[in-house]
Amino acid sequence: MYVEPLITKSKEDTTHSRRTVFSYLKQKQAVTELFRV
């Protein structure tokens, strides 16, 4: 329930969505992996 909305948000690669996901994950490497891979 926590991670599926974050993955949905990662489909749109914008600065706002990256910052929103980062506020939940709090790890830069995880955010980069999510949006790039």
All heavy atoms as atom14 arrays in JSON, in Angstrom:
{
  "sequence": "MYVEPLITKSKEDTTHSRRTVFSYLKQKQAVTELFRV",
  "atom14_mask": [
    [1, 1, 1, 1, 1, 1, 1, 1, 0, 0, 0, 0, 0, 0],
    [1, 1, 1, 1, 1, 1, 1, 1, 1, 1, 1, 1, 0, 0],
    [1, 1, 1, 1, 1, 1, 1, 0, 0, 0, 0, 0, 0, 0],
    [1, 1, 1, 1, 1, 1, 1, 1, 1, 0, 0, 0, 0, 0],
    [1, 1, 1, 1, 1, 1, 1, 0, 0, 0, 0, 0, 0, 0],
    [1, 1, 1, 1, 1, 1, 1, 1, 0, 0, 0, 0, 0, 0],
    [1, 1, 1, 1, 1, 1, 1, 1, 0, 0, 0, 0, 0, 0],
    [1, 1, 1, 1, 1, 1, 1, 0, 0, 0, 0, 0, 0, 0],
    [1, 1, 1, 1, 1, 1, 1, 1, 1, 0, 0, 0, 0, 0],
    [1, 1, 1, 1, 1, 1, 0, 0, 0, 0, 0, 0, 0, 0],
    [1, 1, 1, 1, 1, 1, 1, 1, 1, 0, 0, 0, 0, 0],
    [1, 1, 1, 1, 1, 1, 1, 1, 1, 0, 0, 0, 0, 0],
    [1, 1, 1, 1, 1, 1, 1, 1, 0, 0, 0, 0, 0, 0],
    [1, 1, 1, 1, 1, 1, 1, 0, 0, 0, 0, 0, 0, 0],
    [1, 1, 1, 1, 1, 1, 1, 0, 0, 0, 0, 0, 0, 0],
    [1, 1, 1, 1, 1, 1, 1, 1, 1, 1, 0, 0, 0, 0],
    [1, 1, 1, 1, 1, 1, 0, 0, 0, 0, 0, 0, 0, 0],
    [1, 1, 1, 1, 1, 1, 1, 1, 1, 1, 1, 0, 0, 0],
    [1, 1, 1, 1, 1, 1, 1, 1, 1, 1, 1, 0, 0, 0],
    [1, 1, 1, 1, 1, 1, 1, 0, 0, 0, 0, 0, 0, 0],
    [1, 1, 1, 1, 1, 1, 1, 0, 0, 0, 0, 0, 0, 0],
    [1, 1, 1, 1, 1, 1, 1, 1, 1, 1, 1, 0, 0, 0],
    [1, 1, 1, 1, 1, 1, 0, 0, 0, 0, 0, 0, 0, 0],
    [1, 1, 1, 1, 1, 1, 1, 1, 1, 1, 1, 1, 0, 0],
    [1, 1, 1, 1, 1, 1, 1, 1, 0, 0, 0, 0, 0, 0],
    [1, 1, 1, 1, 1, 1, 1, 1, 1, 0, 0, 0, 0, 0],
    [1, 1, 1, 1, 1, 1, 1, 1, 1, 0, 0, 0, 0, 0],
    [1, 1, 1, 1, 1, 1, 1, 1, 1, 0, 0, 0, 0, 0],
    [1, 1, 1, 1, 1, 1, 1, 1, 1, 0, 0, 0, 0, 0],
    [1, 1, 1, 1, 1, 0, 0, 0, 0, 0, 0, 0, 0, 0],
    [1, 1, 1, 1, 1, 1, 1, 0, 0, 0, 0, 0, 0, 0],
    [1, 1, 1, 1, 1, 1, 1, 0, 0, 0, 0, 0, 0, 0],
    [1, 1, 1, 1, 1, 1, 1, 1, 1, 0, 0, 0, 0, 0],
    [1, 1, 1, 1, 1, 1, 1, 1, 0, 0, 0, 0, 0, 0],
    [1, 1, 1, 1, 1, 1, 1, 1, 1, 1, 1, 0, 0, 0],
    [1, 1, 1, 1, 1, 1, 1, 1, 1, 1, 1, 0, 0, 0],
    [1, 1, 1, 1, 1, 1, 1, 0, 0, 0, 0, 0, 0, 0]
  ],
  "atom14_positions": [
    [[0.83, -1.21, 0.0], [0.0, 0.0, 0.0], [0.86, 1.26, 0.0], [0.43, 2.32, -0.47], [-0.92, 0.01, 1.22], [-2.01, -1.03, 1.15], [-2.99, -1.14, 2.65], [-3.46, 0.54, 2.92], [0.0, 0.0, 0.0], [0.0, 0.0, 0.0], [0.0, 0.0, 0.0], [0.0, 0.0, 0.0], [0.0, 0.0, 0.0], [0.0, 0.0, 0.0]],
    [[2.07, 1.17, 0.52], [2.97, 2.32, 0.61], [3.71, 2.57, -0.7], [3.87, 3.71, -1.13], [3.97, 2.06, 1.74], [4.88, 3.2, 2.09], [4.48, 4.18, 2.99], [6.15, 3.31, 1.54], [5.31, 5.22, 3.34], [7.0, 4.34, 1.89], [6.57, 5.3, 2.78], [7.4, 6.33, 3.12], [0.0, 0.0, 0.0], [0.0, 0.0, 0.0]],
    [[4.17, 1.5, -1.36], [5.09, 1.66, -2.48], [4.38, 1.76, -3.84], [4.9, 2.41, -4.75], [6.14, 0.54, -2.48], [5.61, -0.75, -3.03], [7.39, 0.95, -3.22], [0.0, 0.0, 0.0], [0.0, 0.0, 0.0], [0.0, 0.0, 0.0], [0.0, 0.0, 0.0], [0.0, 0.0, 0.0], [0.0, 0.0, 0.0], [0.0, 0.0, 0.0]],
    [[3.21, 1.16, -3.98], [2.56, 1.18, -5.3], [2.18, 2.6, -5.76], [2.39, 2.93, -6.92], [1.36, 0.25, -5.31], [1.8, -1.21, -5.21], [1.07, -2.13, -6.14], [0.16, -1.69, -6.85], [1.43, -3.32, -6.16], [0.0, 0.0, 0.0], [0.0, 0.0, 0.0], [0.0, 0.0, 0.0], [0.0, 0.0, 0.0], [0.0, 0.0, 0.0]],
    [[1.67, 3.48, -4.89], [1.44, 4.86, -5.35], [2.72, 5.59, -5.74], [2.72, 6.42, -6.65], [0.78, 5.54, -4.15], [0.19, 4.44, -3.37], [1.08, 3.26, -3.56], [0.0, 0.0, 0.0], [0.0, 0.0, 0.0], [0.0, 0.0, 0.0], [0.0, 0.0, 0.0], [0.0, 0.0, 0.0], [0.0, 0.0, 0.0], [0.0, 0.0, 0.0]],
    [[3.83, 5.25, -5.09], [5.11, 5.88, -5.45], [5.56, 5.43, -6.83], [6.09, 6.23, -7.61], [6.18, 5.53, -4.41], [5.9, 5.99, -2.98], [7.04, 5.56, -2.07], [5.7, 7.48, -2.92], [0.0, 0.0, 0.0], [0.0, 0.0, 0.0], [0.0, 0.0, 0.0], [0.0, 0.0, 0.0], [0.0, 0.0, 0.0], [0.0, 0.0, 0.0]],
    [[5.35, 4.16, -7.14], [5.73, 3.65, -8.46], [4.84, 4.29, -9.52], [5.31, 4.65, -10.61], [5.64, 2.12, -8.49], [6.67, 1.52, -7.52], [5.89, 1.59, -9.89], [6.57, 0.03, -7.34], [0.0, 0.0, 0.0], [0.0, 0.0, 0.0], [0.0, 0.0, 0.0], [0.0, 0.0, 0.0], [0.0, 0.0, 0.0], [0.0, 0.0, 0.0]],
    [[3.56, 4.45, -9.22], [2.66, 5.12, -10.17], [3.12, 6.57, -10.41], [3.12, 7.04, -11.54], [1.23, 5.11, -9.63], [0.83, 3.76, -9.43], [0.28, 5.79, -10.59], [0.0, 0.0, 0.0], [0.0, 0.0, 0.0], [0.0, 0.0, 0.0], [0.0, 0.0, 0.0], [0.0, 0.0, 0.0], [0.0, 0.0, 0.0], [0.0, 0.0, 0.0]],
    [[3.53, 7.25, -9.34], [3.98, 8.63, -9.47], [5.28, 8.71, -10.28], [5.54, 9.71, -10.95], [4.18, 9.25, -8.09], [4.39, 10.74, -8.12], [4.15, 11.36, -6.78], [2.72, 11.61, -6.47], [2.05, 12.58, -7.31], [0.0, 0.0, 0.0], [0.0, 0.0, 0.0], [0.0, 0.0, 0.0], [0.0, 0.0, 0.0], [0.0, 0.0, 0.0]],
    [[6.07, 7.65, -10.27], [7.35, 7.69, -10.99], [7.17, 7.59, -12.5], [8.12, 7.82, -13.24], [8.25, 6.55, -10.52], [7.8, 5.32, -11.01], [0.0, 0.0, 0.0], [0.0, 0.0, 0.0], [0.0, 0.0, 0.0], [0.0, 0.0, 0.0], [0.0, 0.0, 0.0], [0.0, 0.0, 0.0], [0.0, 0.0, 0.0], [0.0, 0.0, 0.0]],
    [[5.98, 7.24, -12.97], [5.75, 7.17, -14.42], [5.91, 8.54, -15.07], [6.3, 8.65, -16.22], [4.35, 6.63, -14.71], [4.2, 5.16, -14.43], [2.8, 4.73, -14.78], [2.61, 3.26, -14.6], [1.27, 2.83, -15.0], [0.0, 0.0, 0.0], [0.0, 0.0, 0.0], [0.0, 0.0, 0.0], [0.0, 0.0, 0.0], [0.0, 0.0, 0.0]],
    [[5.58, 9.59, -14.33], [5.73, 10.95, -14.83], [7.01, 11.54, -14.24], [7.07, 11.84, -13.06], [4.51, 11.79, -14.42], [4.52, 13.17, -14.98], [3.29, 13.97, -14.53], [2.41, 13.39, -13.89], [3.26, 15.17, -14.82], [0.0, 0.0, 0.0], [0.0, 0.0, 0.0], [0.0, 0.0, 0.0], [0.0, 0.0, 0.0], [0.0, 0.0, 0.0]],
    [[8.03, 11.66, -15.05], [9.34, 12.11, -14.56], [9.41, 13.63, -14.58], [9.93, 14.23, -15.52], [10.45, 11.49, -15.41], [11.82, 11.7, -14.79], [11.88, 12.24, -13.67], [12.81, 11.32, -15.42], [0.0, 0.0, 0.0], [0.0, 0.0, 0.0], [0.0, 0.0, 0.0], [0.0, 0.0, 0.0], [0.0, 0.0, 0.0], [0.0, 0.0, 0.0]],
    [[8.89, 14.23, -13.53], [8.97, 15.68, -13.37], [9.68, 15.98, -12.05], [9.82, 15.11, -11.2], [7.58, 16.33, -13.35], [6.86, 15.82, -12.23], [6.81, 16.04, -14.63], [0.0, 0.0, 0.0], [0.0, 0.0, 0.0], [0.0, 0.0, 0.0], [0.0, 0.0, 0.0], [0.0, 0.0, 0.0], [0.0, 0.0, 0.0], [0.0, 0.0, 0.0]],
    [[10.11, 17.2, -11.9], [10.78, 17.6, -10.66], [9.83, 17.46, -9.48], [10.22, 17.0, -8.4], [11.26, 19.06, -10.77], [12.09, 19.18, -11.92], [12.05, 19.45, -9.53], [0.0, 0.0, 0.0], [0.0, 0.0, 0.0], [0.0, 0.0, 0.0], [0.0, 0.0, 0.0], [0.0, 0.0, 0.0], [0.0, 0.0, 0.0], [0.0, 0.0, 0.0]],
    [[8.58, 17.81, -9.69], [7.6, 17.71, -8.6], [7.4, 16.26, -8.16], [7.38, 15.97, -6.96], [6.26, 18.32, -9.03], [5.2, 18.19, -8.0], [5.27, 18.86, -6.8], [4.06, 17.47, -7.97], [4.2, 18.55, -6.08], [3.45, 17.71, -6.77], [0.0, 0.0, 0.0], [0.0, 0.0, 0.0], [0.0, 0.0, 0.0], [0.0, 0.0, 0.0]],
    [[7.27, 15.35, -9.12], [7.06, 13.95, -8.74], [8.31, 13.36, -8.09], [8.2, 12.56, -7.15], [6.63, 13.12, -9.95], [7.63, 13.12, -10.93], [0.0, 0.0, 0.0], [0.0, 0.0, 0.0], [0.0, 0.0, 0.0], [0.0, 0.0, 0.0], [0.0, 0.0, 0.0], [0.0, 0.0, 0.0], [0.0, 0.0, 0.0], [0.0, 0.0, 0.0]],
    [[9.49, 13.77, -8.53], [10.72, 13.3, -7.89], [10.81, 13.79, -6.45], [11.19, 13.03, -5.55], [11.96, 13.78, -8.66], [12.28, 12.94, -9.87], [13.55, 13.45, -10.53], [13.9, 12.64, -11.68], [14.78, 11.64, -11.65], [15.41, 11.36, -10.53], [15.03, 10.94, -12.72], [0.0, 0.0, 0.0], [0.0, 0.0, 0.0], [0.0, 0.0, 0.0]],
    [[10.45, 15.03, -6.23], [10.5, 15.57, -4.86], [9.45, 14.92, -3.96], [9.7, 14.66, -2.79], [10.32, 17.09, -4.88], [11.54, 17.8, -5.4], [11.35, 19.29, -5.44], [12.59, 19.93, -5.89], [12.67, 21.18, -6.26], [11.59, 21.96, -6.25], [13.82, 21.69, -6.64], [0.0, 0.0, 0.0], [0.0, 0.0, 0.0], [0.0, 0.0, 0.0]],
    [[8.29, 14.65, -4.52], [7.24, 13.98, -3.76], [7.68, 12.57, -3.35], [7.52, 12.16, -2.21], [5.94, 13.91, -4.57], [5.58, 15.23, -4.99], [4.82, 13.3, -3.76], [0.0, 0.0, 0.0], [0.0, 0.0, 0.0], [0.0, 0.0, 0.0], [0.0, 0.0, 0.0], [0.0, 0.0, 0.0], [0.0, 0.0, 0.0], [0.0, 0.0, 0.0]],
    [[8.24, 11.84, -4.3], [8.7, 10.48, -4.01], [9.87, 10.52, -3.02], [9.94, 9.7, -2.1], [9.1, 9.76, -5.32], [9.82, 8.46, -5.03], [7.86, 9.5, -6.16], [0.0, 0.0, 0.0], [0.0, 0.0, 0.0], [0.0, 0.0, 0.0], [0.0, 0.0, 0.0], [0.0, 0.0, 0.0], [0.0, 0.0, 0.0], [0.0, 0.0, 0.0]],
    [[10.76, 11.49, -3.17], [11.89, 11.61, -2.25], [11.42, 11.9, -0.83], [12.03, 11.43, 0.15], [12.86, 12.69, -2.71], [14.06, 12.84, -1.82], [15.09, 11.91, -1.86], [14.16, 13.9, -0.94], [16.2, 12.03, -1.04], [15.27, 14.03, -0.11], [16.28, 13.1, -0.15], [0.0, 0.0, 0.0], [0.0, 0.0, 0.0], [0.0, 0.0, 0.0]],
    [[10.32, 12.63, -0.68], [9.81, 12.92, 0.66], [9.31, 11.65, 1.35], [9.29, 11.58, 2.58], [8.69, 13.96, 0.6], [7.52, 13.39, 0.05], [0.0, 0.0, 0.0], [0.0, 0.0, 0.0], [0.0, 0.0, 0.0], [0.0, 0.0, 0.0], [0.0, 0.0, 0.0], [0.0, 0.0, 0.0], [0.0, 0.0, 0.0], [0.0, 0.0, 0.0]],
    [[8.94, 10.64, 0.58], [8.52, 9.37, 1.15], [9.71, 8.42, 1.36], [9.79, 7.74, 2.37], [7.49, 8.68, 0.26], [6.11, 9.26, 0.36], [5.71, 10.29, -0.48], [5.21, 8.8, 1.31], [4.45, 10.83, -0.39], [3.94, 9.32, 1.41], [3.57, 10.35, 0.56], [2.32, 10.89, 0.66], [0.0, 0.0, 0.0], [0.0, 0.0, 0.0]],
    [[10.61, 8.35, 0.38], [11.68, 7.36, 0.44], [12.9, 7.81, 1.22], [13.55, 7.01, 1.88], [12.12, 6.97, -0.98], [11.1, 6.23, -1.83], [11.68, 5.92, -3.18], [10.64, 4.97, -1.14], [0.0, 0.0, 0.0], [0.0, 0.0, 0.0], [0.0, 0.0, 0.0], [0.0, 0.0, 0.0], [0.0, 0.0, 0.0], [0.0, 0.0, 0.0]],
    [[13.26, 9.07, 1.12], [14.37, 9.66, 1.86], [15.73, 9.06, 1.52], [16.66, 9.12, 2.31], [14.12, 9.55, 3.37], [12.88, 10.3, 3.81], [12.55, 10.03, 5.24], [11.32, 10.76, 5.68], [10.13, 10.49, 4.9], [0.0, 0.0, 0.0], [0.0, 0.0, 0.0], [0.0, 0.0, 0.0], [0.0, 0.0, 0.0], [0.0, 0.0, 0.0]],
    [[15.86, 8.46, 0.32], [17.15, 7.96, -0.16], [17.3, 8.32, -1.63], [16.49, 7.91, -2.46], [17.24, 6.44, -0.02], [17.5, 5.97, 1.38], [17.8, 4.48, 1.42], [18.16, 3.88, 0.41], [17.65, 3.89, 2.59], [0.0, 0.0, 0.0], [0.0, 0.0, 0.0], [0.0, 0.0, 0.0], [0.0, 0.0, 0.0], [0.0, 0.0, 0.0]],
    [[18.35, 9.07, -1.93], [18.55, 9.54, -3.29], [18.78, 8.39, -4.27], [18.29, 8.41, -5.39], [19.73, 10.5, -3.33], [19.88, 11.23, -4.66], [21.13, 12.09, -4.71], [21.0, 13.29, -3.81], [22.12, 14.24, -4.0], [0.0, 0.0, 0.0], [0.0, 0.0, 0.0], [0.0, 0.0, 0.0], [0.0, 0.0, 0.0], [0.0, 0.0, 0.0]],
    [[19.51, 7.35, -3.85], [19.79, 6.22, -4.74], [18.51, 5.49, -5.11], [18.34, 5.05, -6.26], [20.75, 5.23, -4.07], [22.12, 5.77, -3.77], [22.18, 6.49, -2.43], [21.21, 6.53, -1.68], [23.32, 7.09, -2.14], [0.0, 0.0, 0.0], [0.0, 0.0, 0.0], [0.0, 0.0, 0.0], [0.0, 0.0, 0.0], [0.0, 0.0, 0.0]],
    [[17.6, 5.35, -4.15], [16.34, 4.65, -4.43], [15.47, 5.45, -5.4], [14.84, 4.89, -6.3], [15.57, 4.39, -3.13], [0.0, 0.0, 0.0], [0.0, 0.0, 0.0], [0.0, 0.0, 0.0], [0.0, 0.0, 0.0], [0.0, 0.0, 0.0], [0.0, 0.0, 0.0], [0.0, 0.0, 0.0], [0.0, 0.0, 0.0], [0.0, 0.0, 0.0]],
    [[15.45, 6.77, -5.24], [14.67, 7.61, -6.14], [15.25, 7.55, -7.55], [14.5, 7.42, -8.54], [14.64, 9.07, -5.62], [13.96, 9.98, -6.62], [13.93, 9.15, -4.28], [0.0, 0.0, 0.0], [0.0, 0.0, 0.0], [0.0, 0.0, 0.0], [0.0, 0.0, 0.0], [0.0, 0.0, 0.0], [0.0, 0.0, 0.0], [0.0, 0.0, 0.0]],
    [[16.57, 7.59, -7.67], [17.22, 7.5, -8.98], [16.91, 6.16, -9.64], [16.57, 6.11, -10.83], [18.73, 7.68, -8.82], [18.98, 8.92, -8.17], [19.43, 7.66, -10.16], [0.0, 0.0, 0.0], [0.0, 0.0, 0.0], [0.0, 0.0, 0.0], [0.0, 0.0, 0.0], [0.0, 0.0, 0.0], [0.0, 0.0, 0.0], [0.0, 0.0, 0.0]],
    [[17.01, 5.08, -8.88], [16.71, 3.74, -9.42], [15.26, 3.65, -9.87], [14.95, 3.08, -10.92], [17.0, 2.69, -8.34], [16.73, 1.29, -8.74], [17.84, 0.66, -9.55], [18.91, 1.28, -9.7], [17.62, -0.46, -10.06], [0.0, 0.0, 0.0], [0.0, 0.0, 0.0], [0.0, 0.0, 0.0], [0.0, 0.0, 0.0], [0.0, 0.0, 0.0]],
    [[14.37, 4.21, -9.06], [12.94, 4.15, -9.38], [12.63, 4.87, -10.69], [11.93, 4.33, -11.55], [12.13, 4.76, -8.23], [10.62, 4.82, -8.39], [10.04, 3.42, -8.5], [9.99, 5.54, -7.21], [0.0, 0.0, 0.0], [0.0, 0.0, 0.0], [0.0, 0.0, 0.0], [0.0, 0.0, 0.0], [0.0, 0.0, 0.0], [0.0, 0.0, 0.0]],
    [[13.17, 6.06, -10.87], [12.84, 6.85, -12.05], [13.63, 6.42, -13.3], [13.12, 6.53, -14.4], [13.08, 8.34, -11.78], [11.95, 8.97, -11.03], [11.93, 8.97, -9.65], [10.89, 9.56, -11.69], [10.9, 9.55, -8.95], [9.85, 10.15, -11.0], [9.85, 10.14, -9.62], [0.0, 0.0, 0.0], [0.0, 0.0, 0.0], [0.0, 0.0, 0.0]],
    [[14.85, 5.91, -13.14], [15.66, 5.55, -14.3], [15.46, 4.11, -14.77], [15.5, 3.85, -15.96], [17.14, 5.77, -14.0], [17.52, 7.22, -13.96], [19.01, 7.38, -13.93], [19.36, 8.81, -13.8], [20.52, 9.24, -13.37], [21.46, 8.39, -13.04], [20.75, 10.53, -13.3], [0.0, 0.0, 0.0], [0.0, 0.0, 0.0], [0.0, 0.0, 0.0]],
    [[15.29, 3.18, -13.83], [15.25, 1.76, -14.2], [13.83, 1.2, -14.16], [13.37, 0.56, -15.1], [16.18, 0.94, -13.26], [16.1, -0.53, -13.58], [17.59, 1.46, -13.36], [0.0, 0.0, 0.0], [0.0, 0.0, 0.0], [0.0, 0.0, 0.0], [0.0, 0.0, 0.0], [0.0, 0.0, 0.0], [0.0, 0.0, 0.0], [0.0, 0.0, 0.0]]
  ]
}
